[in-house]
């Protein structure tokens, strides 16, 4: 059973998973551009997932998003530990972050993922996200795919 917990950005388990996500991205993309740092003041939601008391997944919601209307937030730092993948944890995590966005009265979510992350693209498209033009700072990145979903 998966237990979701809303946490603060500084939560040590969240930070451990953010670092693991960055390491995986760096390994998948040889010439990866530096992922923009998260401004802690913009983190309006952060969620970790536990399985048997072990924190195994995380994701965040940031707001506002430059280049978008005030009613838009960005999903980011979505990560599930490899041995816990394909169990539906990412989908539960995504839905919890969407619930936070609805509570904040936001109307749209956007996100960026990479072309070498087919599992992420599959998750987002299966949950109703549609491909949009790459937004800053990803507009010139051929490895990026950006998505949006109306809430």
N, C-alpha and C. Protein backbone atom coordinates (compact mmCIF):
# COMPACT_ATOMS: atom_id res chain seq x y z
N UNK A 1 0.83 -1.18 0.00
CA UNK A 1 0.00 0.00 0.00
C UNK A 1 0.88 1.25 0.00
N UNK A 2 0.46 2.24 -0.75
CA UNK A 2 1.20 3.49 -0.86
C UNK A 2 0.57 4.53 0.06
N UNK A 3 1.40 5.20 0.83
CA UNK A 3 0.93 6.30 1.68
C UNK A 3 1.57 7.58 1.15
N UNK A 4 0.74 8.58 0.84
CA UNK A 4 1.23 9.86 0.36
C UNK A 4 1.30 10.83 1.51
N UNK A 5 2.34 11.65 1.52
CA UNK A 5 2.52 12.63 2.58
C UNK A 5 2.95 13.96 1.98
N UNK A 6 2.25 15.00 2.33
CA UNK A 6 2.66 16.35 1.92
C UNK A 6 3.75 16.81 2.87
N UNK A 7 4.82 17.32 2.28
CA UNK A 7 5.99 17.72 3.06
C UNK A 7 6.47 19.10 2.62
N UNK A 8 7.40 19.65 3.36
CA UNK A 8 8.04 20.91 3.01
C UNK A 8 9.23 20.63 2.09
N UNK A 9 9.62 21.65 1.32
CA UNK A 9 10.74 21.52 0.39
C UNK A 9 12.00 21.03 1.08
N UNK A 10 12.26 21.45 2.29
CA UNK A 10 13.50 21.10 2.98
C UNK A 10 13.49 19.68 3.56
N UNK A 11 12.41 18.95 3.44
CA UNK A 11 12.31 17.60 3.98
C UNK A 11 13.49 16.75 3.48
N UNK A 12 14.22 16.08 4.38
CA UNK A 12 15.40 15.32 3.97
C UNK A 12 15.09 14.18 2.99
N UNK A 13 13.97 13.50 3.16
CA UNK A 13 13.62 12.43 2.23
C UNK A 13 13.35 12.99 0.84
N UNK A 14 12.65 14.11 0.77
CA UNK A 14 12.40 14.76 -0.51
C UNK A 14 13.71 15.16 -1.16
N UNK A 15 14.60 15.77 -0.40
CA UNK A 15 15.88 16.21 -0.96
C UNK A 15 16.72 15.03 -1.45
N UNK A 16 16.67 13.91 -0.76
CA UNK A 16 17.39 12.71 -1.19
C UNK A 16 16.86 12.24 -2.54
N UNK A 17 15.54 12.24 -2.71
CA UNK A 17 14.96 11.79 -3.97
C UNK A 17 15.19 12.80 -5.10
N UNK A 18 15.19 14.08 -4.79
CA UNK A 18 15.51 15.10 -5.79
C UNK A 18 16.93 14.89 -6.31
N UNK A 19 17.86 14.57 -5.40
CA UNK A 19 19.24 14.31 -5.81
C UNK A 19 19.32 13.03 -6.66
N UNK A 20 18.55 12.01 -6.31
CA UNK A 20 18.54 10.77 -7.08
C UNK A 20 17.95 11.01 -8.47
N UNK A 21 16.92 11.84 -8.55
CA UNK A 21 16.32 12.16 -9.85
C UNK A 21 17.34 12.88 -10.73
N UNK A 22 18.07 13.82 -10.16
CA UNK A 22 19.08 14.55 -10.92
C UNK A 22 20.17 13.61 -11.42
N UNK A 23 20.60 12.69 -10.57
CA UNK A 23 21.64 11.73 -10.98
C UNK A 23 21.15 10.85 -12.12
N UNK A 24 19.88 10.44 -12.08
CA UNK A 24 19.35 9.61 -13.16
C UNK A 24 19.26 10.39 -14.46
N UNK A 25 18.83 11.63 -14.38
CA UNK A 25 18.73 12.47 -15.58
C UNK A 25 20.13 12.68 -16.18
N UNK A 26 21.10 12.97 -15.33
CA UNK A 26 22.47 13.17 -15.81
C UNK A 26 22.98 11.91 -16.51
N UNK A 27 22.62 10.73 -16.01
CA UNK A 27 23.08 9.48 -16.60
C UNK A 27 22.38 9.20 -17.94
N UNK A 28 21.13 9.61 -18.09
CA UNK A 28 20.39 9.34 -19.33
C UNK A 28 20.78 10.29 -20.46
N UNK A 29 21.19 11.49 -20.12
CA UNK A 29 21.48 12.51 -21.12
C UNK A 29 22.95 12.89 -21.02
N UNK A 30 23.72 12.50 -22.03
CA UNK A 30 25.16 12.75 -22.01
C UNK A 30 25.50 14.23 -21.91
N UNK A 31 24.87 15.03 -22.73
CA UNK A 31 25.17 16.46 -22.77
C UNK A 31 24.04 17.25 -22.14
N UNK A 32 23.61 16.83 -20.97
CA UNK A 32 22.47 17.47 -20.34
C UNK A 32 22.80 18.91 -19.96
N UNK A 33 21.83 19.76 -20.23
CA UNK A 33 21.97 21.13 -19.77
C UNK A 33 21.62 21.14 -18.29
N UNK A 34 22.13 22.10 -17.58
CA UNK A 34 21.87 22.18 -16.16
C UNK A 34 20.38 22.41 -15.91
N UNK A 35 19.80 21.55 -15.10
CA UNK A 35 18.39 21.71 -14.73
C UNK A 35 18.30 22.94 -13.82
N UNK A 36 17.35 23.83 -14.09
CA UNK A 36 17.25 25.02 -13.25
C UNK A 36 17.00 24.65 -11.78
N UNK A 37 17.66 25.37 -10.90
CA UNK A 37 17.44 25.16 -9.47
C UNK A 37 16.02 25.54 -9.11
N UNK A 38 15.52 24.90 -8.08
CA UNK A 38 14.19 25.22 -7.56
C UNK A 38 14.32 26.37 -6.58
N UNK A 39 13.52 27.40 -6.77
CA UNK A 39 13.43 28.49 -5.80
C UNK A 39 12.48 28.01 -4.71
N UNK A 40 12.97 27.76 -3.49
CA UNK A 40 12.10 27.23 -2.44
C UNK A 40 10.84 28.07 -2.20
N UNK A 41 10.91 29.37 -2.47
CA UNK A 41 9.74 30.23 -2.27
C UNK A 41 8.61 29.91 -3.23
N UNK A 42 8.92 29.24 -4.35
CA UNK A 42 7.89 28.92 -5.33
C UNK A 42 7.25 27.55 -5.11
N UNK A 43 7.80 26.75 -4.20
CA UNK A 43 7.26 25.41 -3.96
C UNK A 43 5.97 25.53 -3.16
N UNK A 44 4.87 25.23 -3.83
CA UNK A 44 3.55 25.34 -3.19
C UNK A 44 2.99 23.99 -2.81
N UNK A 45 3.67 22.94 -3.21
CA UNK A 45 3.28 21.60 -2.84
C UNK A 45 4.43 20.64 -3.06
N UNK A 46 4.63 19.74 -2.12
CA UNK A 46 5.65 18.71 -2.25
C UNK A 46 5.07 17.45 -1.61
N UNK A 47 5.22 16.35 -2.31
CA UNK A 47 4.63 15.10 -1.84
C UNK A 47 5.67 13.99 -1.94
N UNK A 48 5.70 13.15 -0.91
CA UNK A 48 6.50 11.93 -0.97
C UNK A 48 5.56 10.75 -0.83
N UNK A 49 5.97 9.62 -1.38
CA UNK A 49 5.20 8.39 -1.29
C UNK A 49 6.00 7.38 -0.48
N UNK A 50 5.30 6.71 0.42
CA UNK A 50 5.93 5.69 1.25
C UNK A 50 5.33 4.32 0.92
N UNK A 51 6.19 3.32 0.91
CA UNK A 51 5.78 1.93 0.82
C UNK A 51 6.47 1.23 1.98
N UNK A 52 5.68 0.64 2.86
CA UNK A 52 6.24 -0.02 4.05
C UNK A 52 7.19 0.90 4.81
N UNK A 53 6.75 2.12 5.03
CA UNK A 53 7.52 3.14 5.78
C UNK A 53 8.76 3.65 5.06
N UNK A 54 9.05 3.13 3.88
CA UNK A 54 10.20 3.58 3.10
C UNK A 54 9.74 4.65 2.12
N UNK A 55 10.39 5.82 2.11
CA UNK A 55 10.06 6.86 1.15
C UNK A 55 10.67 6.48 -0.19
N UNK A 56 9.80 6.32 -1.21
CA UNK A 56 10.26 5.77 -2.49
C UNK A 56 9.96 6.66 -3.70
N UNK A 57 9.23 7.75 -3.49
CA UNK A 57 8.87 8.60 -4.64
C UNK A 57 8.59 10.01 -4.17
N UNK A 58 8.71 10.96 -5.12
CA UNK A 58 8.47 12.36 -4.77
C UNK A 58 8.07 13.16 -6.00
N UNK A 59 7.53 14.33 -5.74
CA UNK A 59 7.20 15.29 -6.78
C UNK A 59 6.87 16.63 -6.13
N UNK A 60 6.99 17.70 -6.91
CA UNK A 60 6.69 19.03 -6.37
C UNK A 60 5.82 19.81 -7.35
N UNK A 61 5.24 20.86 -6.82
CA UNK A 61 4.41 21.79 -7.57
C UNK A 61 4.95 23.19 -7.29
N UNK A 62 5.34 23.92 -8.34
CA UNK A 62 5.86 25.27 -8.15
C UNK A 62 4.95 26.29 -8.83
N UNK A 63 4.92 27.46 -8.23
CA UNK A 63 4.04 28.54 -8.69
C UNK A 63 4.60 29.85 -8.17
N UNK A 64 4.60 30.92 -8.94
CA UNK A 64 4.16 31.05 -10.32
C UNK A 64 5.18 30.50 -11.31
N UNK A 65 4.75 30.39 -12.56
CA UNK A 65 5.61 29.90 -13.62
C UNK A 65 5.82 31.06 -14.60
N UNK A 66 7.05 31.54 -14.73
CA UNK A 66 7.30 32.60 -15.71
C UNK A 66 6.81 32.16 -17.09
N UNK A 67 6.33 33.08 -17.86
CA UNK A 67 5.82 32.85 -19.23
C UNK A 67 4.41 32.28 -19.26
N UNK A 68 3.78 32.08 -18.11
CA UNK A 68 2.42 31.57 -18.08
C UNK A 68 1.54 32.48 -17.24
N UNK A 69 0.24 32.36 -17.46
CA UNK A 69 -0.73 33.14 -16.69
C UNK A 69 -0.65 32.76 -15.21
N UNK A 70 -1.22 33.62 -14.39
CA UNK A 70 -1.17 33.41 -12.94
C UNK A 70 -1.89 32.16 -12.47
N UNK A 71 -2.69 31.57 -13.33
CA UNK A 71 -3.46 30.40 -12.92
C UNK A 71 -2.74 29.08 -13.23
N UNK A 72 -1.43 29.13 -13.52
CA UNK A 72 -0.67 27.96 -13.96
C UNK A 72 0.46 27.64 -12.98
N UNK A 73 0.61 26.36 -12.67
CA UNK A 73 1.72 25.88 -11.85
C UNK A 73 2.49 24.84 -12.65
N UNK A 74 3.70 24.54 -12.19
CA UNK A 74 4.55 23.58 -12.88
C UNK A 74 4.81 22.37 -11.99
N UNK A 75 4.68 21.18 -12.58
CA UNK A 75 5.05 19.94 -11.91
C UNK A 75 6.53 19.71 -12.12
N UNK A 76 7.19 19.18 -11.13
CA UNK A 76 8.60 18.91 -11.31
C UNK A 76 9.14 17.91 -10.31
N UNK A 77 10.36 17.52 -10.55
CA UNK A 77 11.12 16.62 -9.69
C UNK A 77 10.36 15.32 -9.39
N UNK A 78 9.56 14.89 -10.38
CA UNK A 78 8.86 13.61 -10.24
C UNK A 78 9.88 12.48 -10.33
N UNK A 79 9.84 11.60 -9.34
CA UNK A 79 10.81 10.51 -9.30
C UNK A 79 10.28 9.36 -8.47
N UNK A 80 10.46 8.15 -8.99
CA UNK A 80 10.16 6.93 -8.25
C UNK A 80 11.42 6.07 -8.27
N UNK A 81 11.81 5.59 -7.09
CA UNK A 81 12.99 4.72 -7.02
C UNK A 81 12.80 3.56 -7.99
N UNK A 82 13.85 3.19 -8.73
CA UNK A 82 13.72 2.18 -9.78
C UNK A 82 13.04 0.88 -9.35
N UNK A 83 13.34 0.38 -8.18
CA UNK A 83 12.77 -0.90 -7.76
C UNK A 83 11.28 -0.82 -7.41
N UNK A 84 10.73 0.40 -7.37
CA UNK A 84 9.31 0.59 -7.05
C UNK A 84 8.50 1.06 -8.26
N UNK A 85 9.11 1.07 -9.42
CA UNK A 85 8.41 1.52 -10.63
C UNK A 85 7.43 0.46 -11.13
N UNK A 86 6.49 0.91 -11.96
CA UNK A 86 5.49 0.05 -12.59
C UNK A 86 4.50 -0.52 -11.57
N UNK A 87 4.29 0.25 -10.49
CA UNK A 87 3.32 -0.15 -9.47
C UNK A 87 2.20 0.88 -9.33
N UNK A 88 2.21 1.92 -10.18
CA UNK A 88 1.17 2.95 -10.11
C UNK A 88 1.46 4.06 -9.12
N UNK A 89 2.65 4.05 -8.52
CA UNK A 89 2.99 5.06 -7.52
C UNK A 89 3.07 6.45 -8.14
N UNK A 90 3.68 6.56 -9.31
CA UNK A 90 3.80 7.87 -9.96
C UNK A 90 2.43 8.45 -10.27
N UNK A 91 1.49 7.61 -10.68
CA UNK A 91 0.15 8.07 -10.99
C UNK A 91 -0.54 8.62 -9.73
N UNK A 92 -0.38 7.92 -8.61
CA UNK A 92 -0.97 8.40 -7.35
C UNK A 92 -0.33 9.73 -6.93
N UNK A 93 0.97 9.81 -7.07
CA UNK A 93 1.70 11.03 -6.74
C UNK A 93 1.23 12.18 -7.61
N UNK A 94 1.13 11.94 -8.90
CA UNK A 94 0.67 12.96 -9.84
C UNK A 94 -0.72 13.45 -9.47
N UNK A 95 -1.61 12.55 -9.16
CA UNK A 95 -2.98 12.94 -8.81
C UNK A 95 -3.04 13.74 -7.51
N UNK A 96 -2.15 13.44 -6.58
CA UNK A 96 -2.10 14.22 -5.34
C UNK A 96 -1.60 15.64 -5.62
N UNK A 97 -0.60 15.77 -6.48
CA UNK A 97 -0.12 17.10 -6.85
C UNK A 97 -1.19 17.87 -7.60
N UNK A 98 -1.96 17.20 -8.45
CA UNK A 98 -3.08 17.85 -9.13
C UNK A 98 -4.12 18.32 -8.11
N UNK A 99 -4.37 17.51 -7.09
CA UNK A 99 -5.33 17.90 -6.04
C UNK A 99 -4.86 19.15 -5.31
N UNK A 100 -3.58 19.25 -5.05
CA UNK A 100 -3.03 20.45 -4.41
C UNK A 100 -3.28 21.66 -5.31
N UNK A 101 -3.03 21.50 -6.60
CA UNK A 101 -3.25 22.60 -7.55
C UNK A 101 -4.71 23.04 -7.55
N UNK A 102 -5.62 22.10 -7.50
CA UNK A 102 -7.05 22.44 -7.46
C UNK A 102 -7.36 23.18 -6.15
N UNK A 103 -6.81 22.73 -5.03
CA UNK A 103 -7.00 23.41 -3.76
C UNK A 103 -6.50 24.85 -3.82
N UNK A 104 -5.45 25.09 -4.59
CA UNK A 104 -4.89 26.43 -4.74
C UNK A 104 -5.65 27.25 -5.79
N UNK A 105 -6.70 26.64 -6.34
CA UNK A 105 -7.55 27.29 -7.35
C UNK A 105 -6.79 27.61 -8.64
N UNK A 106 -5.83 26.76 -8.96
CA UNK A 106 -5.10 26.90 -10.22
C UNK A 106 -5.90 26.21 -11.31
N UNK A 107 -5.67 26.63 -12.55
CA UNK A 107 -6.47 26.11 -13.66
C UNK A 107 -5.68 25.28 -14.65
N UNK A 108 -4.34 25.31 -14.55
CA UNK A 108 -3.53 24.57 -15.52
C UNK A 108 -2.22 24.14 -14.87
N UNK A 109 -1.76 22.96 -15.28
CA UNK A 109 -0.43 22.50 -14.89
C UNK A 109 0.41 22.33 -16.14
N UNK A 110 1.69 22.66 -16.05
CA UNK A 110 2.64 22.44 -17.13
C UNK A 110 3.82 21.65 -16.56
N UNK A 111 4.58 21.04 -17.46
CA UNK A 111 5.76 20.31 -17.03
C UNK A 111 6.68 20.11 -18.21
N UNK A 112 7.93 19.82 -17.89
CA UNK A 112 8.93 19.47 -18.90
C UNK A 112 9.49 18.11 -18.53
N UNK A 113 9.63 17.28 -19.54
CA UNK A 113 10.32 16.00 -19.37
C UNK A 113 11.20 15.80 -20.60
N UNK A 114 11.93 14.70 -20.63
CA UNK A 114 12.85 14.50 -21.74
C UNK A 114 12.44 13.38 -22.66
N UNK A 115 12.95 13.45 -23.88
CA UNK A 115 12.61 12.45 -24.89
C UNK A 115 13.16 11.07 -24.55
N UNK A 116 14.14 11.00 -23.66
CA UNK A 116 14.70 9.72 -23.24
C UNK A 116 14.03 9.19 -21.98
N UNK A 117 12.84 9.68 -21.71
CA UNK A 117 12.07 9.24 -20.55
C UNK A 117 10.68 8.80 -21.02
N UNK A 118 10.63 7.74 -21.81
CA UNK A 118 9.34 7.32 -22.36
C UNK A 118 8.32 6.93 -21.29
N UNK A 119 8.79 6.44 -20.15
CA UNK A 119 7.86 6.09 -19.08
C UNK A 119 7.17 7.34 -18.53
N UNK A 120 7.89 8.45 -18.45
CA UNK A 120 7.28 9.71 -18.00
C UNK A 120 6.30 10.23 -19.04
N UNK A 121 6.69 10.21 -20.29
CA UNK A 121 5.80 10.67 -21.35
C UNK A 121 4.53 9.82 -21.36
N UNK A 122 4.67 8.51 -21.19
CA UNK A 122 3.51 7.64 -21.13
C UNK A 122 2.59 7.96 -19.98
N UNK A 123 3.16 8.24 -18.81
CA UNK A 123 2.35 8.61 -17.64
C UNK A 123 1.56 9.87 -17.92
N UNK A 124 2.24 10.90 -18.37
CA UNK A 124 1.57 12.19 -18.55
C UNK A 124 0.50 12.12 -19.64
N UNK A 125 0.79 11.47 -20.74
CA UNK A 125 -0.23 11.40 -21.80
C UNK A 125 -1.41 10.56 -21.35
N UNK A 126 -1.17 9.50 -20.57
CA UNK A 126 -2.28 8.67 -20.09
C UNK A 126 -3.15 9.41 -19.08
N UNK A 127 -2.61 10.45 -18.48
CA UNK A 127 -3.35 11.24 -17.48
C UNK A 127 -3.91 12.53 -18.07
N UNK A 128 -3.91 12.65 -19.40
CA UNK A 128 -4.57 13.77 -20.04
C UNK A 128 -3.71 14.99 -20.33
N UNK A 129 -2.41 14.86 -20.19
CA UNK A 129 -1.52 15.98 -20.53
C UNK A 129 -1.31 15.97 -22.04
N UNK A 130 -1.22 17.16 -22.62
CA UNK A 130 -1.01 17.29 -24.06
C UNK A 130 0.31 18.01 -24.31
N UNK A 131 0.94 17.65 -25.42
CA UNK A 131 2.21 18.28 -25.78
C UNK A 131 1.95 19.75 -26.13
N UNK A 132 2.81 20.62 -25.63
CA UNK A 132 2.77 22.04 -25.96
C UNK A 132 4.15 22.45 -26.45
N UNK A 133 4.24 23.66 -26.99
CA UNK A 133 5.56 24.18 -27.37
C UNK A 133 6.44 24.26 -26.13
N UNK A 134 7.72 23.97 -26.31
CA UNK A 134 8.65 24.08 -25.19
C UNK A 134 8.70 25.52 -24.70
N UNK A 135 8.61 25.67 -23.40
CA UNK A 135 8.61 27.00 -22.78
C UNK A 135 9.97 27.25 -22.12
N UNK A 136 10.27 28.53 -21.85
CA UNK A 136 11.55 28.87 -21.22
C UNK A 136 11.69 28.19 -19.86
N UNK A 137 12.86 27.64 -19.59
CA UNK A 137 14.13 27.76 -20.32
C UNK A 137 14.39 26.59 -21.28
N UNK A 138 13.36 25.88 -21.68
CA UNK A 138 13.52 24.67 -22.50
C UNK A 138 13.28 24.90 -23.99
N UNK A 139 12.96 26.11 -24.41
CA UNK A 139 12.53 26.39 -25.77
C UNK A 139 13.54 25.98 -26.85
N UNK A 140 14.80 25.93 -26.51
CA UNK A 140 15.81 25.56 -27.51
C UNK A 140 16.41 24.18 -27.26
N UNK A 141 15.77 23.39 -26.40
CA UNK A 141 16.29 22.08 -26.05
C UNK A 141 15.62 20.99 -26.88
N UNK A 142 16.35 20.34 -27.79
CA UNK A 142 15.75 19.28 -28.61
C UNK A 142 15.42 18.03 -27.79
N UNK A 143 16.00 17.89 -26.61
CA UNK A 143 15.73 16.73 -25.77
C UNK A 143 14.52 16.90 -24.86
N UNK A 144 13.94 18.09 -24.85
CA UNK A 144 12.82 18.38 -23.96
C UNK A 144 11.48 18.23 -24.65
N UNK A 145 10.49 17.81 -23.88
CA UNK A 145 9.09 17.80 -24.30
C UNK A 145 8.29 18.44 -23.17
N UNK A 146 7.49 19.41 -23.53
CA UNK A 146 6.68 20.10 -22.53
C UNK A 146 5.21 19.71 -22.71
N UNK A 147 4.52 19.67 -21.62
CA UNK A 147 3.12 19.24 -21.58
C UNK A 147 2.31 20.20 -20.73
N UNK A 148 0.98 20.18 -20.95
CA UNK A 148 0.05 20.98 -20.14
C UNK A 148 -1.23 20.19 -19.96
N UNK A 149 -1.92 20.53 -18.88
CA UNK A 149 -3.23 19.93 -18.60
C UNK A 149 -4.10 20.96 -17.93
N UNK A 150 -5.31 21.14 -18.47
CA UNK A 150 -6.29 22.00 -17.80
C UNK A 150 -6.88 21.22 -16.64
N UNK A 151 -7.06 21.91 -15.53
CA UNK A 151 -7.63 21.25 -14.35
C UNK A 151 -9.14 21.44 -14.28
